[in-house]
């Protein structure tokens, strides 16, 4: 990876695009750009900070499919 923080960000974006991996960008942490990635059974959060540091977190599904009642419960819990 490149040493320049913005180069690092753009290099990661090019790698994801070349691999045909869906992603979007967000601003969820101060001083960082978050790359949100969706692959089958997983969600990734990749934070690229102003200083070039990269944090990577994986959220993995156990394969359980929930019904609308479970959705309503979650909506109520986090409202």
C-alpha atoms as a PDB file:
ATOM      1  CA  UNK A   1       0.000   0.000   0.000  1.00  0.00           C
ATOM      2  CA  UNK A   2       1.044   3.560  -0.564  1.00  0.00           C
ATOM      3  CA  UNK A   3       2.297   5.665   2.367  1.00  0.00           C
ATOM      4  CA  UNK A   4       0.144   8.743   1.588  1.00  0.00           C
ATOM      5  CA  UNK A   5      -3.187   8.406   3.459  1.00  0.00           C
ATOM      6  CA  UNK A   6      -5.309   9.514   0.503  1.00  0.00           C
ATOM      7  CA  UNK A   7      -3.347   7.222  -1.814  1.00  0.00           C
ATOM      8  CA  UNK A   8      -3.989   4.371   0.620  1.00  0.00           C
ATOM      9  CA  UNK A   9      -7.712   5.097   0.548  1.00  0.00           C
ATOM     10  CA  UNK A  10      -7.856   5.247  -3.238  1.00  0.00           C
ATOM     11  CA  UNK A  11      -5.743   2.111  -3.582  1.00  0.00           C
ATOM     12  CA  UNK A  12      -8.161   0.205  -1.336  1.00  0.00           C
ATOM     13  CA  UNK A  13     -11.097   1.484  -3.396  1.00  0.00           C
ATOM     14  CA  UNK A  14      -9.408   0.358  -6.618  1.00  0.00           C
ATOM     15  CA  UNK A  15      -8.718  -3.088  -5.120  1.00  0.00           C
ATOM     16  CA  UNK A  16     -12.350  -3.496  -4.079  1.00  0.00           C
ATOM     17  CA  UNK A  17     -13.608  -2.365  -7.486  1.00  0.00           C
ATOM     18  CA  UNK A  18     -11.187  -4.681  -9.303  1.00  0.00           C
ATOM     19  CA  UNK A  19     -12.435  -7.576  -7.170  1.00  0.00           C
ATOM     20  CA  UNK A  20     -16.054  -6.627  -8.023  1.00  0.00           C
ATOM     21  CA  UNK A  21     -16.815  -6.165  -4.319  1.00  0.00           C
ATOM     22  CA  UNK A  22     -19.670  -3.767  -3.548  1.00  0.00           C
ATOM     23  CA  UNK A  23     -18.819  -0.856  -1.261  1.00  0.00           C
ATOM     24  CA  UNK A  24     -19.965   2.580  -0.226  1.00  0.00           C
ATOM     25  CA  UNK A  25     -18.276   5.399   1.649  1.00  0.00           C
ATOM     26  CA  UNK A  26     -19.397   6.894   4.926  1.00  0.00           C
ATOM     27  CA  UNK A  27     -18.246   9.290   7.598  1.00  0.00           C
ATOM     28  CA  UNK A  28     -18.748   7.408  10.868  1.00  0.00           C
ATOM     29  CA  UNK A  29     -15.559   8.268  12.795  1.00  0.00           C
ATOM     30  CA  UNK A  30     -13.879  11.615  13.190  1.00  0.00           C
ATOM     31  CA  UNK A  31     -10.750  11.911  11.100  1.00  0.00           C
ATOM     32  CA  UNK A  32     -11.530   8.845   9.004  1.00  0.00           C
ATOM     33  CA  UNK A  33     -13.317   7.729   5.870  1.00  0.00           C
ATOM     34  CA  UNK A  34     -15.271   4.523   6.342  1.00  0.00           C
ATOM     35  CA  UNK A  35     -15.575   2.023   3.516  1.00  0.00           C
ATOM     36  CA  UNK A  36     -18.681  -0.129   4.033  1.00  0.00           C
ATOM     37  CA  UNK A  37     -18.379  -3.476   2.232  1.00  0.00           C
ATOM     38  CA  UNK A  38     -21.052  -6.120   1.619  1.00  0.00           C
ATOM     39  CA  UNK A  39     -20.092  -9.669   0.653  1.00  0.00           C
ATOM     40  CA  UNK A  40     -22.218 -12.816   1.053  1.00  0.00           C
ATOM     41  CA  UNK A  41     -22.764 -13.436   4.766  1.00  0.00           C
ATOM     42  CA  UNK A  42     -20.536 -10.582   5.899  1.00  0.00           C
ATOM     43  CA  UNK A  43     -20.383  -6.829   6.316  1.00  0.00           C
ATOM     44  CA  UNK A  44     -17.025  -5.084   6.628  1.00  0.00           C
ATOM     45  CA  UNK A  45     -16.144  -1.672   8.002  1.00  0.00           C
ATOM     46  CA  UNK A  46     -12.769  -0.382   6.866  1.00  0.00           C
ATOM     47  CA  UNK A  47     -11.712   2.940   8.389  1.00  0.00           C
ATOM     48  CA  UNK A  48      -8.867   4.846   6.753  1.00  0.00           C
ATOM     49  CA  UNK A  49      -7.627   7.619   9.048  1.00  0.00           C
ATOM     50  CA  UNK A  50      -5.957  10.909   8.194  1.00  0.00           C
ATOM     51  CA  UNK A  51      -2.579   9.493   9.269  1.00  0.00           C
ATOM     52  CA  UNK A  52      -2.961   6.435   7.007  1.00  0.00           C
ATOM     53  CA  UNK A  53      -3.883   3.971   9.763  1.00  0.00           C
ATOM     54  CA  UNK A  54      -6.417   1.339   8.688  1.00  0.00           C
ATOM     55  CA  UNK A  55      -8.924  -0.348  11.036  1.00  0.00           C
ATOM     56  CA  UNK A  56     -10.905  -3.332   9.771  1.00  0.00           C
ATOM     57  CA  UNK A  57     -13.943  -4.956  11.404  1.00  0.00           C
ATOM     58  CA  UNK A  58     -16.017  -7.916  10.155  1.00  0.00           C
ATOM     59  CA  UNK A  59     -19.650  -8.595  11.024  1.00  0.00           C
ATOM     60  CA  UNK A  60     -20.491 -12.174  10.100  1.00  0.00           C
ATOM     61  CA  UNK A  61     -23.916 -13.756   9.714  1.00  0.00           C
ATOM     62  CA  UNK A  62     -24.709 -17.105  11.299  1.00  0.00           C
ATOM     63  CA  UNK A  63     -27.138 -17.742   8.444  1.00  0.00           C
ATOM     64  CA  UNK A  64     -30.301 -17.187  10.487  1.00  0.00           C
ATOM     65  CA  UNK A  65     -33.112 -15.538   8.523  1.00  0.00           C
ATOM     66  CA  UNK A  66     -35.548 -13.601  10.695  1.00  0.00           C
ATOM     67  CA  UNK A  67     -39.164 -12.670  10.055  1.00  0.00           C
ATOM     68  CA  UNK A  68     -40.856  -9.286  10.137  1.00  0.00           C
ATOM     69  CA  UNK A  69     -41.693  -9.637  13.837  1.00  0.00           C
ATOM     70  CA  UNK A  70     -37.973  -9.791  14.615  1.00  0.00           C
ATOM     71  CA  UNK A  71     -37.449  -6.706  12.461  1.00  0.00           C
ATOM     72  CA  UNK A  72     -40.152  -4.862  14.439  1.00  0.00           C
ATOM     73  CA  UNK A  73     -38.465  -5.887  17.704  1.00  0.00           C
ATOM     74  CA  UNK A  74     -35.131  -4.489  16.520  1.00  0.00           C
ATOM     75  CA  UNK A  75     -36.738  -1.268  15.300  1.00  0.00           C
ATOM     76  CA  UNK A  76     -38.407  -0.806  18.696  1.00  0.00           C
ATOM     77  CA  UNK A  77     -35.181  -1.597  20.553  1.00  0.00           C
ATOM     78  CA  UNK A  78     -33.113   0.983  18.676  1.00  0.00           C
ATOM     79  CA  UNK A  79     -35.749   3.726  18.244  1.00  0.00           C
END
